[in-house]
């Protein structure tokens, strides 16, 4: 499907993230934070 957006995923657990998420709904990791 052309034009389909790829949803961002959590860098820690791989859970798909809602567009406006500040934290992963699965593991609670802050969105946009690098892994330690």
N, C-alpha and C. Protein backbone atom coordinates (compact mmCIF):
# COMPACT_ATOMS: atom_id res chain seq x y z
N UNK A 1 0.83 -1.19 0.00
CA UNK A 1 0.00 0.00 0.00
C UNK A 1 0.88 1.25 0.00
N UNK A 2 0.82 1.98 -1.04
CA UNK A 2 1.60 3.20 -1.12
C UNK A 2 0.98 4.29 -0.27
N UNK A 3 1.82 5.11 0.32
CA UNK A 3 1.33 6.21 1.14
C UNK A 3 0.98 5.84 2.56
N UNK A 4 1.17 4.59 2.90
CA UNK A 4 0.85 4.16 4.26
C UNK A 4 1.98 4.55 5.21
N UNK A 5 1.63 5.17 6.33
CA UNK A 5 2.64 5.62 7.29
C UNK A 5 3.09 4.43 8.13
N UNK A 6 4.38 4.40 8.43
CA UNK A 6 4.91 3.39 9.34
C UNK A 6 4.79 3.95 10.75
N UNK A 7 4.14 3.21 11.62
CA UNK A 7 3.96 3.67 13.00
C UNK A 7 5.27 3.55 13.75
N UNK A 8 5.56 4.56 14.57
CA UNK A 8 6.77 4.45 15.39
C UNK A 8 6.62 3.33 16.41
N UNK A 9 7.72 2.75 16.81
CA UNK A 9 7.70 1.69 17.81
C UNK A 9 8.65 2.03 18.95
N UNK A 10 8.40 1.46 20.09
CA UNK A 10 9.23 1.66 21.28
C UNK A 10 10.62 1.07 21.03
N UNK A 11 11.66 1.84 21.36
CA UNK A 11 13.03 1.35 21.15
C UNK A 11 13.38 0.25 22.14
N UNK A 12 12.67 0.18 23.25
CA UNK A 12 12.98 -0.83 24.27
C UNK A 12 12.26 -2.15 23.99
N UNK A 13 10.93 -2.10 23.75
CA UNK A 13 10.17 -3.35 23.64
C UNK A 13 9.58 -3.61 22.24
N UNK A 14 9.58 -2.59 21.37
CA UNK A 14 9.07 -2.79 20.01
C UNK A 14 7.58 -2.59 19.86
N UNK A 15 6.90 -2.20 20.93
CA UNK A 15 5.46 -1.96 20.89
C UNK A 15 5.14 -0.78 19.97
N UNK A 16 4.12 -0.90 19.10
CA UNK A 16 3.71 0.26 18.30
C UNK A 16 3.23 1.38 19.21
N UNK A 17 3.62 2.61 18.88
CA UNK A 17 3.29 3.76 19.72
C UNK A 17 2.19 4.60 19.10
N UNK A 18 1.25 5.08 19.93
CA UNK A 18 0.28 6.06 19.44
C UNK A 18 1.02 7.33 19.01
N UNK A 19 0.44 8.09 18.09
CA UNK A 19 1.09 9.29 17.55
C UNK A 19 1.50 10.29 18.62
N UNK A 20 0.67 10.49 19.62
CA UNK A 20 0.92 11.52 20.63
C UNK A 20 1.53 10.96 21.92
N UNK A 21 2.02 9.73 21.88
CA UNK A 21 2.54 9.09 23.10
C UNK A 21 3.80 9.77 23.61
N UNK A 22 3.87 9.95 24.91
CA UNK A 22 5.07 10.46 25.57
C UNK A 22 5.83 9.29 26.22
N UNK A 23 5.09 8.21 26.50
CA UNK A 23 5.65 7.00 27.10
C UNK A 23 5.06 5.79 26.38
N UNK A 24 5.81 4.71 26.33
CA UNK A 24 5.32 3.47 25.73
C UNK A 24 4.18 2.92 26.58
N UNK A 25 3.03 2.58 25.96
CA UNK A 25 1.91 2.04 26.73
C UNK A 25 2.19 0.63 27.25
N UNK A 26 3.19 -0.05 26.71
CA UNK A 26 3.50 -1.41 27.13
C UNK A 26 4.51 -1.45 28.28
N UNK A 27 5.65 -0.74 28.11
CA UNK A 27 6.71 -0.84 29.12
C UNK A 27 6.98 0.45 29.87
N UNK A 28 6.36 1.56 29.44
CA UNK A 28 6.52 2.82 30.15
C UNK A 28 7.78 3.60 29.81
N UNK A 29 8.55 3.13 28.84
CA UNK A 29 9.78 3.82 28.46
C UNK A 29 9.45 5.15 27.80
N UNK A 30 10.14 6.24 28.16
CA UNK A 30 9.87 7.55 27.55
C UNK A 30 10.16 7.53 26.04
N UNK A 31 9.21 8.02 25.26
CA UNK A 31 9.36 8.08 23.81
C UNK A 31 10.43 9.11 23.47
N UNK A 32 11.33 8.76 22.58
CA UNK A 32 12.38 9.67 22.15
C UNK A 32 13.63 9.60 23.01
N UNK A 33 13.62 8.78 24.04
CA UNK A 33 14.81 8.65 24.89
C UNK A 33 15.72 7.56 24.34
N UNK A 34 17.03 7.81 24.36
CA UNK A 34 17.96 6.77 23.92
C UNK A 34 18.04 5.65 24.95
N UNK A 35 18.37 4.47 24.50
CA UNK A 35 18.56 3.36 25.44
C UNK A 35 19.79 3.63 26.29
N UNK A 36 19.75 3.28 27.57
CA UNK A 36 20.91 3.51 28.44
C UNK A 36 22.09 2.62 28.06
